Amino acid sequence: MEIGMLWFDSNQASTIADRVEAAATYYKEKYGRVATLCFVHPSTLAKPSKVGNMQIRPMDTVLPNHFWLGVNPEPSTDAANPAEL
């Protein structure tokens, strides 16, 4: 993913899934597309996972409490089968 939306959410009372869903809702309203990929700091999520149809992946360059959302340029494969949040 080269282009995306950076979302900040420091609400530790909410789950990661709730925070990603809030960001995804805003993304859809703003851009008219459904985000399919979200990068987060490794301290937020240590291993790849999913929220609905969105893949969540850790990335060292994303700051804590930030969520980088966009559209996955690769076709989705179930081979990796990340855990559901």
C-alpha atoms as a PDB file:
ATOM      1  CA  MET A   1       0.000   0.000   0.000  1.00  0.00           C
ATOM      2  CA  GLU A   2       1.487   3.324  -1.039  1.00  0.00           C
ATOM      3  CA  ILE A   3      -1.437   5.681  -0.384  1.00  0.00           C
ATOM      4  CA  GLY A   4      -3.715   5.626   2.627  1.00  0.00           C
ATOM      5  CA  MET A   5      -5.303   7.556   5.470  1.00  0.00           C
ATOM      6  CA  LEU A   6      -3.516   7.975   8.791  1.00  0.00           C
ATOM      7  CA  TRP A   7      -5.891   7.820  11.766  1.00  0.00           C
ATOM      8  CA  PHE A   8      -4.986   8.647  15.376  1.00  0.00           C
ATOM      9  CA  ASP A   9      -6.935   7.053  18.243  1.00  0.00           C
ATOM     10  CA  SER A  10      -5.407   6.935  21.722  1.00  0.00           C
ATOM     11  CA  ASN A  11      -8.557   5.678  23.481  1.00  0.00           C
ATOM     12  CA  GLN A  12      -7.118   2.731  25.399  1.00  0.00           C
ATOM     13  CA  ALA A  13     -10.588   1.923  26.791  1.00  0.00           C
ATOM     14  CA  SER A  14     -11.674   0.758  23.317  1.00  0.00           C
ATOM     15  CA  THR A  15     -10.571  -2.512  21.766  1.00  0.00           C
ATOM     16  CA  ILE A  16      -8.307  -2.574  18.727  1.00  0.00           C
ATOM     17  CA  ALA A  17     -11.249  -3.876  16.695  1.00  0.00           C
ATOM     18  CA  ASP A  18     -13.453  -0.937  17.759  1.00  0.00           C
ATOM     19  CA  ARG A  19     -10.736   1.575  16.954  1.00  0.00           C
ATOM     20  CA  VAL A  20     -10.090   0.037  13.523  1.00  0.00           C
ATOM     21  CA  GLU A  21     -13.822  -0.095  12.771  1.00  0.00           C
ATOM     22  CA  ALA A  22     -14.205   3.615  13.660  1.00  0.00           C
ATOM     23  CA  ALA A  23     -11.325   4.481  11.341  1.00  0.00           C
ATOM     24  CA  ALA A  24     -12.753   2.278   8.578  1.00  0.00           C
ATOM     25  CA  THR A  25     -16.174   3.927   8.874  1.00  0.00           C
ATOM     26  CA  TYR A  26     -14.627   7.373   8.509  1.00  0.00           C
ATOM     27  CA  TYR A  27     -12.487   6.155   5.581  1.00  0.00           C
ATOM     28  CA  LYS A  28     -15.582   4.889   3.732  1.00  0.00           C
ATOM     29  CA  GLU A  29     -17.495   8.131   4.363  1.00  0.00           C
ATOM     30  CA  LYS A  30     -14.582  10.309   3.219  1.00  0.00           C
ATOM     31  CA  TYR A  31     -13.296   8.329   0.212  1.00  0.00           C
ATOM     32  CA  GLY A  32     -16.336   6.267  -0.837  1.00  0.00           C
ATOM     33  CA  ARG A  33     -14.299   3.048  -0.777  1.00  0.00           C
ATOM     34  CA  VAL A  34     -13.940   0.270   1.747  1.00  0.00           C
ATOM     35  CA  ALA A  35     -10.506  -0.002   3.345  1.00  0.00           C
ATOM     36  CA  THR A  36      -9.133  -3.535   3.202  1.00  0.00           C
ATOM     37  CA  LEU A  37      -5.755  -3.083   4.876  1.00  0.00           C
ATOM     38  CA  CYS A  38      -4.614  -1.408   8.088  1.00  0.00           C
ATOM     39  CA  PHE A  39      -1.075  -1.070   9.416  1.00  0.00           C
ATOM     40  CA  VAL A  40      -0.482  -0.509  13.135  1.00  0.00           C
ATOM     41  CA  HIS A  41       2.543  -0.224  15.428  1.00  0.00           C
ATOM     42  CA  PRO A  42       3.806  -3.632  16.643  1.00  0.00           C
ATOM     43  CA  SER A  43       3.018  -2.654  20.265  1.00  0.00           C
ATOM     44  CA  THR A  44      -0.626  -2.387  19.234  1.00  0.00           C
ATOM     45  CA  LEU A  45      -0.709  -5.757  17.508  1.00  0.00           C
ATOM     46  CA  ALA A  46       2.174  -8.230  17.425  1.00  0.00           C
ATOM     47  CA  LYS A  47       0.952 -10.499  14.594  1.00  0.00           C
ATOM     48  CA  PRO A  48      -1.326 -10.118  11.546  1.00  0.00           C
ATOM     49  CA  SER A  49      -5.027 -10.315  12.244  1.00  0.00           C
ATOM     50  CA  LYS A  50      -8.411  -9.391  10.740  1.00  0.00           C
ATOM     51  CA  VAL A  51     -11.351  -7.185  11.642  1.00  0.00           C
ATOM     52  CA  GLY A  52     -14.217  -8.154   9.353  1.00  0.00           C
ATOM     53  CA  ASN A  53     -12.728  -8.161   5.845  1.00  0.00           C
ATOM     54  CA  MET A  54      -9.858  -5.851   6.771  1.00  0.00           C
ATOM     55  CA  GLN A  55      -6.357  -7.238   7.232  1.00  0.00           C
ATOM     56  CA  ILE A  56      -4.466  -5.742  10.184  1.00  0.00           C
ATOM     57  CA  ARG A  57      -0.675  -5.917  10.012  1.00  0.00           C
ATOM     58  CA  PRO A  58       2.069  -4.611  12.305  1.00  0.00           C
ATOM     59  CA  MET A  59       4.578  -2.179  10.795  1.00  0.00           C
ATOM     60  CA  ASP A  60       7.562  -0.639  12.589  1.00  0.00           C
ATOM     61  CA  THR A  61       7.223   2.741  10.874  1.00  0.00           C
ATOM     62  CA  VAL A  62       3.656   3.388  12.082  1.00  0.00           C
ATOM     63  CA  LEU A  63       3.594   5.345  15.357  1.00  0.00           C
ATOM     64  CA  PRO A  64       1.784   3.970  18.429  1.00  0.00           C
ATOM     65  CA  ASN A  65      -1.967   4.738  18.485  1.00  0.00           C
ATOM     66  CA  HIS A  66      -1.938   5.425  14.725  1.00  0.00           C
ATOM     67  CA  PHE A  67      -3.747   3.374  12.109  1.00  0.00           C
ATOM     68  CA  TRP A  68      -2.772   3.562   8.431  1.00  0.00           C
ATOM     69  CA  LEU A  69      -5.754   2.452   6.340  1.00  0.00           C
ATOM     70  CA  GLY A  70      -6.088   1.874   2.630  1.00  0.00           C
ATOM     71  CA  VAL A  71      -6.807  -0.661  -0.059  1.00  0.00           C
ATOM     72  CA  ASN A  72      -4.681  -3.784  -0.317  1.00  0.00           C
ATOM     73  CA  PRO A  73      -3.052  -3.856  -3.768  1.00  0.00           C
ATOM     74  CA  GLU A  74      -2.653  -7.641  -3.569  1.00  0.00           C
ATOM     75  CA  PRO A  75      -5.506 -10.084  -3.977  1.00  0.00           C
ATOM     76  CA  SER A  76      -6.571 -11.509  -0.629  1.00  0.00           C
ATOM     77  CA  THR A  77      -5.477 -15.059   0.078  1.00  0.00           C
ATOM     78  CA  ASP A  78      -6.846 -17.293   2.792  1.00  0.00           C
ATOM     79  CA  ALA A  79      -3.549 -19.209   2.964  1.00  0.00           C
ATOM     80  CA  ALA A  80      -2.216 -16.909   5.676  1.00  0.00           C
ATOM     81  CA  ASN A  81      -5.551 -17.126   7.537  1.00  0.00           C
ATOM     82  CA  PRO A  82      -4.843 -14.435  10.154  1.00  0.00           C
ATOM     83  CA  ALA A  83      -6.670 -14.632  13.466  1.00  0.00           C
ATOM     84  CA  GLU A  84      -9.910 -12.704  13.889  1.00  0.00           C
ATOM     85  CA  LEU A  85      -9.849  -9.913  16.499  1.00  0.00           C
END
